[in-house]
Protein backbone atom coordinates (compact mmCIF):
# COMPACT_ATOMS: atom_id res chain seq x y z
CA UNK A 1 -8.08 -0.68 36.02
CA UNK A 2 -7.41 -4.29 36.96
CA UNK A 3 -8.09 -7.72 35.52
CA UNK A 4 -9.41 -10.86 37.18
CA UNK A 5 -6.75 -13.47 37.73
CA UNK A 6 -7.74 -16.89 36.40
CA UNK A 7 -6.25 -20.21 35.42
CA UNK A 8 -7.47 -19.89 31.84
CA UNK A 9 -4.82 -18.94 29.24
CA UNK A 10 -4.88 -15.38 27.94
CA UNK A 11 -5.27 -15.63 24.17
CA UNK A 12 -5.79 -13.48 21.11
CA UNK A 13 -8.80 -13.91 18.86
CA UNK A 14 -6.55 -14.79 15.92
CA UNK A 15 -5.44 -17.98 17.72
CA UNK A 16 -8.84 -18.82 19.20
CA UNK A 17 -9.26 -21.88 16.95
CA UNK A 18 -6.56 -23.64 18.95
CA UNK A 19 -8.74 -23.61 22.09
CA UNK A 20 -12.06 -25.20 21.07
CA UNK A 21 -14.03 -26.39 24.11
CA UNK A 22 -11.43 -24.84 26.41
CA UNK A 23 -11.80 -21.90 28.78
CA UNK A 24 -9.84 -18.78 27.76
CA UNK A 25 -9.28 -15.21 28.92
CA UNK A 26 -9.74 -12.42 26.38
CA UNK A 27 -8.91 -8.73 26.77
CA UNK A 28 -10.25 -6.25 24.24
CA UNK A 29 -12.79 -3.59 23.34
CA UNK A 30 -16.52 -3.73 22.74
CA UNK A 31 -17.04 -3.24 19.00
CA UNK A 32 -20.80 -3.68 18.90
CA UNK A 33 -23.61 -5.49 20.72
CA UNK A 34 -27.22 -6.60 20.53
CA UNK A 35 -29.54 -8.12 23.10
CA UNK A 36 -32.35 -10.64 22.86
CA UNK A 37 -34.08 -10.87 26.22
CA UNK A 38 -32.06 -13.45 28.09
CA UNK A 39 -29.02 -13.21 25.79
CA UNK A 40 -26.41 -10.54 25.05
CA UNK A 41 -24.33 -10.87 21.89
CA UNK A 42 -21.14 -8.87 22.35
CA UNK A 43 -18.84 -8.24 19.39
CA UNK A 44 -15.38 -7.96 20.94
CA UNK A 45 -12.21 -6.98 19.11
CA UNK A 46 -8.67 -7.28 20.39
CA UNK A 47 -6.67 -5.88 17.47
CA UNK A 48 -6.15 -9.24 15.79
CA UNK A 49 -9.78 -10.11 14.95
CA UNK A 50 -13.36 -9.66 16.17
CA UNK A 51 -15.40 -12.44 17.81
CA UNK A 52 -18.94 -12.85 19.14
CA UNK A 53 -19.20 -13.44 22.89
CA UNK A 54 -22.56 -14.76 24.14
CA UNK A 55 -23.85 -14.01 27.66
CA UNK A 56 -26.80 -16.01 29.06
CA UNK A 57 -28.74 -14.17 31.78
CA UNK A 58 -28.88 -17.16 34.09
CA UNK A 59 -25.09 -17.28 34.38
CA UNK A 60 -24.72 -13.76 35.81
CA UNK A 61 -25.99 -11.53 38.57
CA UNK A 62 -28.67 -9.06 37.53
CA UNK A 63 -26.22 -6.18 38.07
CA UNK A 64 -23.50 -7.63 35.79
CA UNK A 65 -25.99 -8.68 33.09
CA UNK A 66 -27.49 -5.17 33.04
CA UNK A 67 -24.03 -3.59 32.96
CA UNK A 68 -23.13 -5.66 29.87
CA UNK A 69 -26.29 -4.39 28.17
CA UNK A 70 -25.42 -0.73 28.74
CA UNK A 71 -21.63 -0.73 28.33
CA UNK A 72 -20.64 1.93 25.75
CA UNK A 73 -18.98 1.10 22.44
CA UNK A 74 -15.15 0.85 22.60
CA UNK A 75 -15.10 0.30 26.36
CA UNK A 76 -12.25 -1.93 27.56
CA UNK A 77 -13.47 -5.29 28.83
CA UNK A 78 -12.30 -8.68 30.03
CA UNK A 79 -14.05 -11.87 28.96
CA UNK A 80 -13.53 -15.35 30.42
CA UNK A 81 -15.40 -18.13 28.69
CA UNK A 82 -15.40 -21.32 26.64
CA UNK A 83 -14.57 -21.37 22.93
CA UNK A 84 -17.30 -22.96 20.81
CA UNK A 85 -17.51 -23.71 17.12
CA UNK A 86 -20.04 -21.59 15.23
CA UNK A 87 -20.35 -22.17 11.49
CA UNK A 88 -22.53 -19.06 11.13
CA UNK A 89 -19.70 -16.81 12.30
CA UNK A 90 -17.23 -15.47 9.71
CA UNK A 91 -14.51 -16.52 12.13
CA UNK A 92 -16.02 -19.97 12.73
CA UNK A 93 -16.05 -19.63 16.52
CA UNK A 94 -17.73 -17.81 19.40
CA UNK A 95 -17.19 -17.60 23.15
CA UNK A 96 -19.74 -18.70 25.74
CA UNK A 97 -19.07 -16.13 28.48
CA UNK A 98 -18.66 -17.17 32.12
CA UNK A 99 -17.18 -13.93 33.44
CA UNK A 100 -17.61 -10.34 32.19
CA UNK A 101 -15.79 -7.34 33.61
CA UNK A 102 -15.79 -3.71 32.52
CA UNK A 103 -12.20 -2.48 32.89
CA UNK A 104 -12.66 1.03 31.52
CA UNK A 105 -15.86 2.71 30.41
CA UNK A 106 -15.43 4.70 27.20
CA UNK A 107 -17.02 8.06 26.62
CA UNK A 108 -19.66 8.39 23.91
CA UNK A 109 -17.93 7.12 20.78
CA UNK A 110 -18.17 9.56 17.85
CA UNK A 111 -18.15 6.92 15.08
CA UNK A 112 -21.44 5.06 15.33
CA UNK A 113 -22.79 2.30 13.04
CA UNK A 114 -24.72 4.94 11.05
CA UNK A 115 -23.30 6.47 7.86
CA UNK A 116 -20.74 9.27 8.23
CA UNK A 117 -19.31 11.64 5.63
CA UNK A 118 -15.76 11.21 4.38
CA UNK A 119 -14.59 14.52 5.88
CA UNK A 120 -15.89 13.49 9.31
CA UNK A 121 -14.20 10.10 9.08
CA UNK A 122 -10.91 11.64 7.97
CA UNK A 123 -11.04 14.08 10.90
CA UNK A 124 -11.39 11.01 13.12
CA UNK A 125 -8.93 8.83 11.23
CA UNK A 126 -7.22 7.79 14.47
CA UNK A 127 -10.53 6.19 15.54
CA UNK A 128 -11.77 5.15 12.08
CA UNK A 129 -8.87 2.68 11.90
CA UNK A 130 -10.76 0.51 14.42
CA UNK A 131 -13.61 -0.22 11.99
CA UNK A 132 -13.78 -3.66 10.39
CA UNK A 133 -13.29 -2.29 6.88
CA UNK A 134 -10.26 -0.16 7.73
CA UNK A 135 -8.86 -2.98 9.85
CA UNK A 136 -9.08 -5.33 6.85
CA UNK A 137 -7.35 -2.80 4.58
CA UNK A 138 -4.47 -2.30 7.02
CA UNK A 139 -4.03 -6.05 7.43
CA UNK A 140 -3.82 -6.48 3.66
CA UNK A 141 -1.36 -3.57 3.46
CA UNK A 142 0.77 -5.29 6.10
CA UNK A 143 0.80 -8.52 4.09
CA UNK A 144 1.67 -6.66 0.86
CA UNK A 145 4.67 -5.13 2.63
CA UNK A 146 5.60 -8.55 3.98
CA UNK A 147 5.45 -9.95 0.44
CA UNK A 148 7.63 -7.12 -0.86
CA UNK A 149 10.35 -7.85 1.68
CA UNK A 150 10.09 -11.61 1.27
CA UNK A 151 10.43 -11.43 -2.50
CA UNK A 152 13.58 -9.36 -2.55
CA UNK A 153 15.15 -11.06 0.47
CA UNK A 154 14.58 -14.47 -1.14
CA UNK A 155 15.99 -13.37 -4.50
CA UNK A 156 19.41 -12.15 -3.47
CA UNK A 157 18.71 -8.44 -2.97
CA UNK A 158 20.33 -6.36 -0.25
CA UNK A 159 18.20 -3.78 1.56
CA UNK A 160 19.99 -0.41 1.39
CA UNK A 161 18.26 2.51 3.11
CA UNK A 162 18.12 5.75 1.13
CA UNK A 163 18.15 9.18 2.83
CA UNK A 164 15.00 11.25 3.23
CA UNK A 165 16.86 14.60 3.08
CA UNK A 166 18.39 15.07 -0.38
CA UNK A 167 20.17 17.93 -2.17
CA UNK A 168 18.75 17.11 -5.60
CA UNK A 169 15.57 16.32 -7.50
CA UNK A 170 14.91 12.92 -9.03
CA UNK A 171 11.43 13.31 -10.55
CA UNK A 172 11.46 16.99 -11.50
CA UNK A 173 11.86 20.19 -9.52
CA UNK A 174 8.26 21.42 -9.53
CA UNK A 175 6.92 19.15 -6.78
CA UNK A 176 9.68 19.23 -4.16
CA UNK A 177 9.12 19.94 -0.47
CA UNK A 178 11.94 22.34 0.37
CA UNK A 179 13.43 22.69 3.85
CA UNK A 180 16.45 24.30 5.49
CA UNK A 181 19.30 21.96 6.26
CA UNK A 182 21.51 24.04 8.53
CA UNK A 183 22.92 26.58 6.04
CA UNK A 184 21.90 24.69 2.91
CA UNK A 185 18.68 23.96 1.05
CA UNK A 186 17.46 20.39 1.16
CA UNK A 187 14.40 18.56 -0.09
CA UNK A 188 12.27 15.68 1.13
CA UNK A 189 13.03 12.77 -1.14
CA UNK A 190 10.91 12.04 -4.20
CA UNK A 191 12.66 8.72 -4.75
CA UNK A 192 15.61 6.68 -3.53
CA UNK A 193 16.50 5.62 -7.06
CA UNK A 194 19.71 7.59 -7.52
CA UNK A 195 21.08 6.15 -4.32
CA UNK A 196 20.02 2.65 -5.36
CA UNK A 197 22.09 3.03 -8.51
CA UNK A 198 25.10 3.52 -6.24
CA UNK A 199 23.96 0.52 -4.20
CA UNK A 200 23.66 -1.64 -7.33
CA UNK A 201 27.30 -0.88 -8.15
CA UNK A 202 28.24 -2.04 -4.65
CA UNK A 203 25.90 -5.02 -4.16
CA UNK A 204 24.68 -6.03 -7.63
CA UNK A 205 21.02 -6.28 -6.57
CA UNK A 206 19.70 -3.75 -4.05
CA UNK A 207 16.42 -2.22 -2.96
CA UNK A 208 15.19 0.53 -0.68
CA UNK A 209 11.80 0.84 0.95
CA UNK A 210 10.52 3.95 2.64
CA UNK A 211 8.43 7.12 2.51
CA UNK A 212 8.64 9.51 -0.42
CA UNK A 213 7.14 12.96 -0.87
CA UNK A 214 5.59 14.89 -3.76
CA UNK A 215 4.37 18.45 -3.32
CA UNK A 216 1.75 18.02 -6.02
CA UNK A 217 -1.28 20.26 -5.70
CA UNK A 218 -3.53 17.42 -6.71
CA UNK A 219 -6.83 16.33 -5.22
CA UNK A 220 -7.41 13.25 -7.33
CA UNK A 221 -8.30 9.86 -5.84
CA UNK A 222 -4.87 8.52 -6.84
CA UNK A 223 -2.57 11.06 -5.19
CA UNK A 224 -1.01 11.56 -1.77
CA UNK A 225 1.73 13.99 -0.77
CA UNK A 226 3.45 11.29 1.32
CA UNK A 227 3.51 7.67 0.23
CA UNK A 228 5.66 4.55 0.51
CA UNK A 229 7.66 3.15 -2.34
CA UNK A 230 9.89 0.13 -2.87
CA UNK A 231 12.68 0.60 -5.43
CA UNK A 232 14.88 -2.25 -6.65
CA UNK A 233 17.94 -1.61 -8.84
CA UNK A 234 19.90 -4.38 -10.58
CA UNK A 235 23.35 -4.27 -12.18
CA UNK A 236 23.55 -5.63 -15.73
CA UNK A 237 19.76 -5.79 -16.18
CA UNK A 238 18.46 -4.19 -19.37
CA UNK A 239 14.88 -3.04 -20.02
CA UNK A 240 13.58 -6.52 -20.85
CA UNK A 241 15.17 -7.97 -17.70
CA UNK A 242 13.58 -5.17 -15.71
CA UNK A 243 10.12 -5.91 -17.09
CA UNK A 244 10.55 -9.61 -16.30
CA UNK A 245 11.49 -8.73 -12.71
CA UNK A 246 8.51 -6.39 -12.24
CA UNK A 247 6.12 -8.99 -13.66
CA UNK A 248 7.35 -11.78 -11.39
CA UNK A 249 7.34 -9.43 -8.39
CA UNK A 250 3.71 -8.33 -8.82
CA UNK A 251 2.45 -11.88 -9.38
CA UNK A 252 4.20 -12.91 -6.16
CA UNK A 253 2.55 -10.08 -4.19
CA UNK A 254 -0.96 -10.84 -5.45
CA UNK A 255 -0.59 -14.58 -4.81
CA UNK A 256 0.67 -13.89 -1.29
CA UNK A 257 -2.39 -11.75 -0.52
CA UNK A 258 -4.74 -14.38 -1.93
CA UNK A 259 -3.13 -16.98 0.32
CA UNK A 260 -3.07 -14.91 3.53
CA UNK A 261 -5.96 -12.43 3.36
CA UNK A 262 -9.07 -14.22 2.06
CA UNK A 263 -11.19 -13.18 5.04
CA UNK A 264 -10.08 -9.55 4.77
CA UNK A 265 -10.86 -9.53 1.04
CA UNK A 266 -14.31 -10.93 1.88
CA UNK A 267 -14.88 -8.08 4.36
CA UNK A 268 -14.12 -5.65 1.51
CA UNK A 269 -16.38 -7.64 -0.86
CA UNK A 270 -13.49 -7.82 -3.31
CA UNK A 271 -14.05 -9.84 -6.48
CA UNK A 272 -11.41 -12.54 -5.96
CA UNK A 273 -11.66 -13.76 -9.56
CA UNK A 274 -10.10 -10.54 -10.82
CA UNK A 275 -7.05 -11.12 -8.61
CA UNK A 276 -6.83 -14.78 -9.59
CA UNK A 277 -6.34 -13.60 -13.19
CA UNK A 278 -3.05 -11.96 -12.24
CA UNK A 279 -0.74 -14.53 -13.82
CA UNK A 280 2.24 -14.30 -16.15
CA UNK A 281 2.66 -13.23 -18.86
CA UNK A 282 1.40 -9.65 -18.76
CA UNK A 283 0.76 -7.93 -22.10
CA UNK A 284 3.54 -5.60 -23.28
CA UNK A 285 2.77 -2.74 -25.65
CA UNK A 286 4.70 0.27 -26.87
CA UNK A 287 3.69 3.87 -26.27
CA UNK A 288 2.70 4.08 -29.93
CA UNK A 289 0.45 1.02 -29.57
CA UNK A 290 -1.14 2.61 -26.49
CA UNK A 291 -1.86 5.73 -28.57
CA UNK A 292 -3.61 3.53 -31.10
CA UNK A 293 -5.82 2.05 -28.35
CA UNK A 294 -6.78 5.56 -27.28
CA UNK A 295 -7.52 6.46 -30.89
CA UNK A 296 -9.89 3.51 -31.22
CA UNK A 297 -11.42 3.37 -27.74
CA UNK A 298 -10.97 6.80 -26.18
CA UNK A 299 -13.06 9.95 -26.28
CA UNK A 300 -11.92 13.02 -28.25
CA UNK A 301 -10.53 14.45 -25.01
CA UNK A 302 -8.38 11.32 -24.55
CA UNK A 303 -6.50 11.66 -27.85
CA UNK A 304 -3.00 12.37 -26.54
CA UNK A 305 -0.55 14.12 -28.90
CA UNK A 306 2.65 12.14 -29.48
CA UNK A 307 5.22 13.25 -26.91
CA UNK A 308 2.86 13.79 -23.97
CA UNK A 309 2.50 11.47 -20.98
CA UNK A 310 -0.75 9.69 -20.19
CA UNK A 311 -3.07 10.85 -17.42
CA UNK A 312 -5.37 8.82 -15.23
CA UNK A 313 -8.27 8.85 -17.71
CA UNK A 314 -6.08 7.61 -20.53
CA UNK A 315 -4.54 4.89 -18.36
CA UNK A 316 -8.04 3.71 -17.45
CA UNK A 317 -9.07 3.33 -21.09
CA UNK A 318 -5.91 1.35 -21.85
CA UNK A 319 -6.28 -0.89 -18.79
CA UNK A 320 -9.87 -1.75 -19.71
CA UNK A 321 -8.60 -3.69 -22.72
CA UNK A 322 -6.82 -6.24 -20.51
CA UNK A 323 -7.69 -8.53 -17.57
CA UNK A 324 -4.29 -8.14 -15.92
CA UNK A 325 -1.61 -5.44 -15.64
CA UNK A 326 -0.20 -4.13 -18.90
CA UNK A 327 3.34 -2.86 -19.51
CA UNK A 328 3.67 0.25 -21.67
CA UNK A 329 7.26 0.81 -22.77
CA UNK A 330 9.31 3.23 -24.85
CA UNK A 331 7.62 6.52 -24.07
CA UNK A 332 8.94 9.65 -25.78
CA UNK A 333 12.19 10.68 -24.13
CA UNK A 334 10.93 14.28 -23.89
CA UNK A 335 8.29 13.35 -21.28
CA UNK A 336 10.55 11.20 -19.10
CA UNK A 337 13.28 11.89 -16.54
CA UNK A 338 16.82 12.87 -17.49
CA UNK A 339 18.37 9.60 -16.32
CA UNK A 340 16.37 7.39 -18.71
CA UNK A 341 18.50 5.83 -21.45
CA UNK A 342 17.44 6.53 -25.03
CA UNK A 343 16.64 3.58 -27.28
CA UNK A 344 19.68 3.13 -29.57
CA UNK A 345 17.33 2.13 -32.41
CA UNK A 346 15.17 5.24 -31.96
CA UNK A 347 16.69 7.98 -29.78
CA UNK A 348 13.36 9.81 -29.64
CA UNK A 349 12.04 7.21 -27.19
CA UNK A 350 13.35 6.10 -23.81
CA UNK A 351 14.04 2.59 -22.56
CA UNK A 352 11.44 3.02 -19.86
CA UNK A 353 8.31 1.18 -18.77
CA UNK A 354 5.16 1.79 -16.76
CA UNK A 355 2.94 -0.97 -15.39
CA UNK A 356 -0.73 -0.02 -15.50
CA UNK A 357 -2.97 -1.94 -13.12
CA UNK A 358 -6.29 -3.34 -14.38
CA UNK A 359 -9.75 -2.03 -13.45
CA UNK A 360 -8.69 1.59 -13.87
CA UNK A 361 -6.20 1.79 -10.98
CA UNK A 362 -3.50 3.45 -13.04
CA UNK A 363 0.27 3.28 -12.87
CA UNK A 364 1.60 1.17 -10.00
CA UNK A 365 5.16 0.75 -11.34
CA UNK A 366 7.44 3.12 -13.20
CA UNK A 367 11.02 2.40 -14.18
CA UNK A 368 13.46 1.61 -16.91
CA UNK A 369 17.06 1.30 -18.02
CA UNK A 370 19.35 4.08 -16.81
CA UNK A 371 21.72 6.16 -18.92
CA UNK A 372 25.18 4.67 -18.33
CA UNK A 373 27.24 6.95 -20.60
CA UNK A 374 29.03 9.73 -18.70
CA UNK A 375 29.04 12.30 -21.50
CA UNK A 376 25.39 11.75 -22.43
CA UNK A 377 24.25 11.92 -18.80
CA UNK A 378 26.26 15.10 -18.20
CA UNK A 379 24.64 16.68 -21.25
CA UNK A 380 21.15 15.66 -20.06
CA UNK A 381 21.68 17.22 -16.63
CA UNK A 382 22.74 20.47 -18.31
CA UNK A 383 19.84 20.25 -20.77
CA UNK A 384 17.36 19.96 -17.90
CA UNK A 385 19.03 22.95 -16.21
CA UNK A 386 19.78 20.99 -13.05
CA UNK A 387 22.59 22.08 -10.67
CA UNK A 388 25.65 20.09 -11.72
CA UNK A 389 27.22 20.21 -8.25
CA UNK A 390 24.25 18.33 -6.79
CA UNK A 391 24.81 15.46 -9.22
CA UNK A 392 28.58 15.23 -9.20
CA UNK A 393 28.48 12.16 -6.95
CA UNK A 394 25.90 10.57 -9.29
CA UNK A 395 28.24 11.10 -12.26
CA UNK A 396 30.95 9.29 -10.31
CA UNK A 397 28.97 6.11 -10.87
CA UNK A 398 29.71 6.52 -14.60
CA UNK A 399 33.31 7.62 -14.08
CA UNK A 400 34.30 4.62 -12.00
CA UNK A 401 33.05 1.38 -13.54
CA UNK A 402 29.93 2.27 -15.51
CA UNK A 403 27.57 -0.57 -16.36
CA UNK A 404 24.16 -1.37 -17.82
CA UNK A 405 21.55 -1.26 -15.06
CA UNK A 406 17.84 -0.81 -14.53
CA UNK A 407 15.19 -0.64 -11.84
CA UNK A 408 11.72 0.54 -10.95
CA UNK A 409 9.57 1.92 -8.18
CA UNK A 410 6.31 0.39 -6.93
CA UNK A 411 3.94 2.59 -4.95
CA UNK A 412 2.51 0.72 -1.98
CA UNK A 413 -0.66 2.80 -1.67
CA UNK A 414 -1.78 2.42 -5.29
CA UNK A 415 -1.01 -1.29 -5.07
CA UNK A 416 -3.14 -1.58 -1.92
CA UNK A 417 -5.97 0.36 -3.59
CA UNK A 418 -5.92 -1.97 -6.58
CA UNK A 419 -5.70 -5.24 -4.67
CA UNK A 420 -8.37 -4.16 -2.15
CA UNK A 421 -10.62 -2.65 -4.83
CA UNK A 422 -10.76 0.77 -3.14
CA UNK A 423 -12.06 3.89 -4.84
CA UNK A 424 -9.71 6.36 -3.12
CA UNK A 425 -6.07 6.02 -2.14
CA UNK A 426 -6.67 7.83 1.17
CA UNK A 427 -7.91 4.57 2.75
CA UNK A 428 -4.69 2.70 1.92
CA UNK A 429 -2.39 4.32 4.49
CA UNK A 430 -2.96 4.69 8.25
CA UNK A 431 -2.66 8.48 8.35
CA UNK A 432 -2.91 9.94 4.83
CA UNK A 433 -1.32 13.23 3.91
CA UNK A 434 -3.32 15.10 1.31
CA UNK A 435 -3.22 18.66 0.09
CA UNK A 436 -4.91 20.65 2.87
CA UNK A 437 -4.81 17.79 5.37
CA UNK A 438 -1.88 17.52 7.76
CA UNK A 439 -3.70 15.93 10.72
CA UNK A 440 -4.61 13.69 12.43
């Protein structure tokens, strides 16, 4: 496979607007095509964007013009031509082709423009990523991650990487992936939070960002067994400070996507007005107030007894009462993790908070104020029948300079699903891991 040498600059489609009326060289893949007698309209993608390239029969030999008409989808090609403005194009430009060369002819491509079932597309996920819809989703995901890093880096946080192998559970022992670690048992991490508490004692404001794992035997549209989470932890922040941080953080992410991904949101036919509503302040309600909403608006099956956590259906009913995310705080301590601090004014509830996204997308943030008393935390570990030796280092954080602190975790995939307006979380990550699906 070789390319034609030419004087024209080699460019990407993303930067094509800088070369209007100039000759350029483009390398990419044939995404789609149509012909109209003396014209071929080639949709060419190069990984950055897709652009229409127009071939006029009179500019080419009969052999080359015929080859362009029969070249298979996803074949590798080289285009040399002049960039022209085209207001009808979503990109605003097209290329008038002067030279066409087939560099590598693809075999018959399995994903055609016709409709395919979800199972088929998931089996071909490595190819499905090339489609315009999936491409748009991954670009938005990339910008969400960029916004996450920008926000914390610009606000005095230190990135501290948490381990993936851990000796202890953070979110309960029933959904751990267990593995052998030489002569010990280890688990794939559910969360980096415990380590971020140590980081907060060292750096004041810290965050980790990486993959987490939950061995939940769930097939709902909101669950994955492997997902990415960002977890900030801040020394001397109480619950109210933590809610303020989460609110500001989410507004920043949404505004960043609106500024950088309008075309991708258009591809997904996302209702931009719903994202433009994401402004401070977000409503803040207690668990008891959320129960009252369910009592008034929910079905008989959605009447949750006091002390139980909310499921996806209940979260949807609550979110439908608001046009932006809603914070639900002070859940019953009995349904939350051992490290949550009890409310001094009502020890039956925890100083925790969940952020529920609008439009029925469920919990995207969970967090709260941590228990900072050594004796109380020791008792809670024993009460939850957790192995004390696995948490001895964690108790050191209370032995040597304990302090008020709080933090939260934001799940990237649920955030992508909400911002993109996707029905299922499986489209939010390049290679999703679901129960019963380990490949591709």
